[in-house]
């Protein structure tokens, strides 16, 4: 397999399987720092929005023009919105919504969250893969952002499964399965779409990915960050995340 494809696949695998890091954290610690989680989620949202508006979407404008790139952006936003509407998932472990439920309901909660996260991770795998294929440095930035946001998702899967079954192995396994969908999605995308890849197709994909990442940031990451009760921390961390991404793009130019 060409090294041009191997590197993006490795980055996608690291991003997707970071759910297992969340699983380990969830199994090792009874209570994670809510302030830290609030900061990390807000920071990740800032990174995602920053790379979307300052790198991905401008690349789309360059290849497609403003109108077509904007339509692709909205299409990506609507695409992930539809997925989220039919297969929603929540950070139940951080919010404590699993408390008081029976073991049977807890197990069902954990498995449904794993399913939802797995389905959401498929287009995220596409985002990381294609971004890294276009520019490995941009791909690394997106992979880091997605990896950070996958960590609390791993906690959300492993915590209820472990509490319901008492099995660390099962909790870890389901967290792993929810994350491995990401590199699988990237691999299938490489096999199916790579032969058709050109500058126009990349413009549509990058613009659509920008819409996808903005949706994840404003619908998922920021609301959960604010749910911890720190009123100004999410916006401060969001600003820092965006600032770090802008600085990194300046340095990479």
Protein backbone atom coordinates (compact mmCIF):
# COMPACT_ATOMS: atom_id res chain seq x y z
CA UNK A 1 0.00 0.00 0.00
CA UNK A 2 1.28 3.44 -0.94
CA UNK A 3 2.85 5.45 1.91
CA UNK A 4 0.61 8.35 0.88
CA UNK A 5 -2.34 6.27 2.11
CA UNK A 6 -0.65 4.56 5.07
CA UNK A 7 0.07 7.78 6.98
CA UNK A 8 -3.54 9.06 6.84
CA UNK A 9 -4.78 5.60 7.89
CA UNK A 10 -2.41 5.59 10.87
CA UNK A 11 -3.60 9.04 11.93
CA UNK A 12 -7.23 7.97 11.59
CA UNK A 13 -6.57 4.84 13.66
CA UNK A 14 -4.97 6.88 16.43
CA UNK A 15 -7.89 9.32 16.43
CA UNK A 16 -10.54 6.60 16.46
CA UNK A 17 -8.94 4.30 19.00
CA UNK A 18 -8.46 7.13 21.49
CA UNK A 19 -11.86 5.97 22.77
CA UNK A 20 -9.83 3.26 24.51
CA UNK A 21 -7.91 5.98 26.38
CA UNK A 22 -11.25 7.23 27.68
CA UNK A 23 -12.16 3.67 28.60
CA UNK A 24 -8.96 3.27 30.61
CA UNK A 25 -9.57 6.59 32.36
CA UNK A 26 -13.16 5.62 33.14
CA UNK A 27 -12.07 2.25 34.56
CA UNK A 28 -9.09 3.57 36.50
CA UNK A 29 -10.72 6.57 38.16
CA UNK A 30 -14.06 6.68 39.92
CA UNK A 31 -14.44 10.38 39.24
CA UNK A 32 -12.67 12.44 36.61
CA UNK A 33 -12.06 16.16 37.04
CA UNK A 34 -15.17 17.97 35.80
CA UNK A 35 -13.21 21.20 35.39
CA UNK A 36 -10.61 19.45 33.27
CA UNK A 37 -13.26 17.76 31.13
CA UNK A 38 -15.08 21.08 30.63
CA UNK A 39 -11.83 22.72 29.52
CA UNK A 40 -10.81 19.90 27.17
CA UNK A 41 -14.19 19.74 25.43
CA UNK A 42 -14.34 23.53 24.93
CA UNK A 43 -10.72 23.58 23.72
CA UNK A 44 -11.43 20.78 21.22
CA UNK A 45 -14.46 22.67 19.89
CA UNK A 46 -12.26 25.71 19.32
CA UNK A 47 -9.68 23.63 17.45
CA UNK A 48 -12.36 22.07 15.23
CA UNK A 49 -14.06 25.37 14.42
CA UNK A 50 -10.69 27.02 13.82
CA UNK A 51 -9.46 24.40 11.35
CA UNK A 52 -12.87 24.38 9.64
CA UNK A 53 -13.13 28.13 9.01
CA UNK A 54 -9.46 28.97 8.56
CA UNK A 55 -8.24 25.99 6.55
CA UNK A 56 -10.84 23.52 5.27
CA UNK A 57 -13.49 25.94 4.02
CA UNK A 58 -10.96 28.33 2.41
CA UNK A 59 -9.55 25.31 0.55
CA UNK A 60 -13.06 24.59 -0.66
CA UNK A 61 -13.49 28.22 -1.81
CA UNK A 62 -10.23 27.94 -3.74
CA UNK A 63 -11.22 24.77 -5.58
CA UNK A 64 -14.98 25.33 -6.05
CA UNK A 65 -15.76 28.99 -5.57
CA UNK A 66 -17.83 30.50 -2.78
CA UNK A 67 -21.29 29.22 -3.75
CA UNK A 68 -20.51 25.54 -4.33
CA UNK A 69 -18.19 25.33 -1.32
CA UNK A 70 -20.85 26.91 0.89
CA UNK A 71 -23.45 24.43 -0.34
CA UNK A 72 -21.04 21.56 0.40
CA UNK A 73 -20.45 23.00 3.88
CA UNK A 74 -24.19 23.08 4.57
CA UNK A 75 -24.56 19.57 3.14
CA UNK A 76 -21.93 18.26 5.56
CA UNK A 77 -23.68 20.02 8.43
CA UNK A 78 -27.07 18.57 7.45
CA UNK A 79 -25.59 15.10 6.89
CA UNK A 80 -24.24 14.75 10.42
CA UNK A 81 -27.39 16.42 11.80
CA UNK A 82 -29.51 13.68 10.20
CA UNK A 83 -27.25 10.97 11.59
CA UNK A 84 -27.42 12.55 15.03
CA UNK A 85 -31.22 12.83 14.84
CA UNK A 86 -31.71 9.16 14.05
CA UNK A 87 -28.79 7.80 16.11
CA UNK A 88 -28.23 10.26 18.99
CA UNK A 89 -25.53 9.72 21.58
CA UNK A 90 -24.68 11.52 24.80
CA UNK A 91 -21.83 11.77 27.24
CA UNK A 92 -23.90 10.01 29.89
CA UNK A 93 -20.94 9.12 32.07
CA UNK A 94 -19.90 12.75 32.51
CA UNK A 95 -23.44 13.93 33.13
CA UNK A 96 -24.18 11.18 35.62
CA UNK A 97 -27.39 10.18 33.86
CA UNK A 98 -26.62 6.53 34.40
CA UNK A 99 -26.93 6.86 38.18
CA UNK A 100 -29.79 4.93 39.72
CA UNK A 101 -30.50 2.74 36.71
CA UNK A 102 -30.74 -1.05 36.91
CA UNK A 103 -27.85 -3.14 35.64
CA UNK A 104 -29.91 -4.24 32.64
CA UNK A 105 -30.73 -0.66 31.69
CA UNK A 106 -27.14 0.41 32.30
CA UNK A 107 -25.85 -2.28 29.96
CA UNK A 108 -28.36 -1.24 27.29
CA UNK A 109 -27.31 2.38 27.78
CA UNK A 110 -23.64 1.55 27.29
CA UNK A 111 -24.27 -0.55 24.18
CA UNK A 112 -26.55 2.06 22.59
CA UNK A 113 -23.99 4.78 23.25
CA UNK A 114 -21.32 2.54 21.68
CA UNK A 115 -23.53 2.06 18.61
CA UNK A 116 -24.23 5.78 18.30
CA UNK A 117 -20.58 6.72 18.70
CA UNK A 118 -19.55 4.07 16.19
CA UNK A 119 -21.93 5.45 13.55
CA UNK A 120 -20.76 9.02 14.22
CA UNK A 121 -17.12 7.93 13.98
CA UNK A 122 -17.50 6.70 10.40
CA UNK A 123 -17.72 10.19 8.80
CA UNK A 124 -15.10 11.42 11.29
CA UNK A 125 -12.77 8.77 9.86
CA UNK A 126 -13.43 10.18 6.40
CA UNK A 127 -12.64 13.68 7.67
CA UNK A 128 -9.29 12.70 9.15
CA UNK A 129 -8.28 10.50 6.21
CA UNK A 130 -9.02 12.99 3.44
CA UNK A 131 -7.57 15.94 5.32
CA UNK A 132 -4.33 14.03 5.94
CA UNK A 133 -4.30 12.88 2.32
CA UNK A 134 -4.41 16.49 1.16
CA UNK A 135 -1.99 17.84 3.75
CA UNK A 136 -0.45 15.63 6.42
CA UNK A 137 0.05 18.58 8.80
CA UNK A 138 -3.61 19.57 8.62
CA UNK A 139 -4.54 15.90 9.01
CA UNK A 140 -2.47 15.71 12.18
CA UNK A 141 -4.24 18.74 13.62
CA UNK A 142 -7.67 17.26 12.87
CA UNK A 143 -6.61 13.85 14.20
CA UNK A 144 -5.53 15.41 17.50
CA UNK A 145 -8.83 17.31 17.80
CA UNK A 146 -10.92 14.22 17.07
CA UNK A 147 -8.77 12.07 19.35
CA UNK A 148 -9.32 14.46 22.27
CA UNK A 149 -13.06 14.55 21.69
CA UNK A 150 -13.16 10.73 21.44
CA UNK A 151 -11.70 10.31 24.94
CA UNK A 152 -14.87 11.32 26.84
CA UNK A 153 -16.86 9.19 24.39
CA UNK A 154 -14.80 6.21 25.51
CA UNK A 155 -15.71 7.03 29.10
CA UNK A 156 -19.37 7.28 28.12
CA UNK A 157 -19.27 3.73 26.74
CA UNK A 158 -17.13 1.97 29.32
CA UNK A 159 -18.60 3.41 32.54
CA UNK A 160 -22.17 2.06 32.24
CA UNK A 161 -21.03 -1.28 30.75
CA UNK A 162 -18.54 -1.80 33.59
CA UNK A 163 -21.05 -0.83 36.25
CA UNK A 164 -23.65 -3.19 34.76
CA UNK A 165 -21.41 -6.21 34.16
CA UNK A 166 -18.47 -5.74 36.53
CA UNK A 167 -16.23 -6.76 33.63
CA UNK A 168 -13.38 -4.46 32.70
CA UNK A 169 -12.74 -6.59 29.63
CA UNK A 170 -16.27 -6.08 28.26
CA UNK A 171 -16.21 -2.37 29.03
CA UNK A 172 -12.88 -1.97 27.23
CA UNK A 173 -14.02 -4.13 24.30
CA UNK A 174 -17.14 -2.07 23.59
CA UNK A 175 -15.16 1.15 23.84
CA UNK A 176 -12.63 -0.30 21.39
CA UNK A 177 -15.33 -1.39 18.94
CA UNK A 178 -16.95 2.06 18.96
CA UNK A 179 -13.61 3.63 18.02
CA UNK A 180 -12.34 1.08 15.49
CA UNK A 181 -15.19 2.10 13.16
CA UNK A 182 -13.20 5.26 12.41
CA UNK A 183 -10.19 3.63 10.71
CA UNK A 184 -12.53 1.13 9.02
CA UNK A 185 -14.46 4.04 7.54
CA UNK A 186 -11.21 5.59 6.34
CA UNK A 187 -10.06 2.31 4.79
CA UNK A 188 -13.33 1.73 2.94
CA UNK A 189 -13.28 5.33 1.76
CA UNK A 190 -9.73 4.92 0.46
CA UNK A 191 -10.67 1.77 -1.45
CA UNK A 192 -13.94 3.10 -2.91
CA UNK A 193 -13.37 6.83 -3.48
CA UNK A 194 -9.62 7.22 -3.94
CA UNK A 195 -9.71 6.37 -7.69
CA UNK A 196 -12.16 9.24 -8.24
CA UNK A 197 -10.22 11.79 -6.22
CA UNK A 198 -9.33 15.09 -7.88
CA UNK A 199 -9.12 18.75 -6.85
CA UNK A 200 -12.85 19.34 -7.37
CA UNK A 201 -13.87 16.28 -5.35
CA UNK A 202 -11.43 17.29 -2.61
CA UNK A 203 -12.98 20.75 -2.53
CA UNK A 204 -16.42 19.28 -1.93
CA UNK A 205 -15.11 16.85 0.68
CA UNK A 206 -13.12 19.42 2.64
CA UNK A 207 -16.03 21.87 2.65
CA UNK A 208 -18.40 19.10 3.78
CA UNK A 209 -15.95 18.03 6.49
CA UNK A 210 -15.89 21.63 7.74
CA UNK A 211 -19.67 21.53 8.12
CA UNK A 212 -19.47 18.19 9.91
CA UNK A 213 -16.87 19.44 12.39
CA UNK A 214 -18.70 22.70 13.10
CA UNK A 215 -21.87 20.72 13.87
CA UNK A 216 -20.00 18.42 16.28
CA UNK A 217 -18.54 21.47 18.01
CA UNK A 218 -21.74 23.47 18.53
CA UNK A 219 -24.19 20.61 19.02
CA UNK A 220 -22.05 18.26 21.09
CA UNK A 221 -18.79 19.57 22.51
CA UNK A 222 -19.77 23.06 23.71
CA UNK A 223 -23.12 22.03 25.30
CA UNK A 224 -21.45 19.19 27.20
CA UNK A 225 -18.60 21.49 28.22
CA UNK A 226 -21.12 23.96 29.66
CA UNK A 227 -23.10 21.18 31.37
CA UNK A 228 -20.37 20.88 34.00
CA UNK A 229 -21.47 24.23 35.41
CA UNK A 230 -18.43 26.40 34.67
CA UNK A 231 -20.12 29.32 32.94
CA UNK A 232 -17.08 31.03 31.40
CA UNK A 233 -14.56 28.19 31.17
CA UNK A 234 -16.03 26.68 27.97
CA UNK A 235 -15.81 29.94 26.03
CA UNK A 236 -12.30 30.67 27.36
CA UNK A 237 -11.09 27.20 26.40
CA UNK A 238 -12.89 27.51 23.04
CA UNK A 239 -11.05 30.78 22.38
CA UNK A 240 -7.73 29.20 23.38
CA UNK A 241 -8.36 26.18 21.16
CA UNK A 242 -9.14 28.40 18.17
CA UNK A 243 -6.11 30.55 18.92
CA UNK A 244 -3.80 27.55 19.11
CA UNK A 245 -5.15 26.25 15.79
CA UNK A 246 -4.70 29.64 14.08
CA UNK A 247 -1.15 29.90 15.44
CA UNK A 248 -0.32 26.40 14.27
CA UNK A 249 -1.64 27.16 10.77
CA UNK A 250 0.49 30.32 10.65
CA UNK A 251 3.58 28.36 11.69
CA UNK A 252 2.86 25.60 9.17
CA UNK A 253 2.55 27.97 6.21
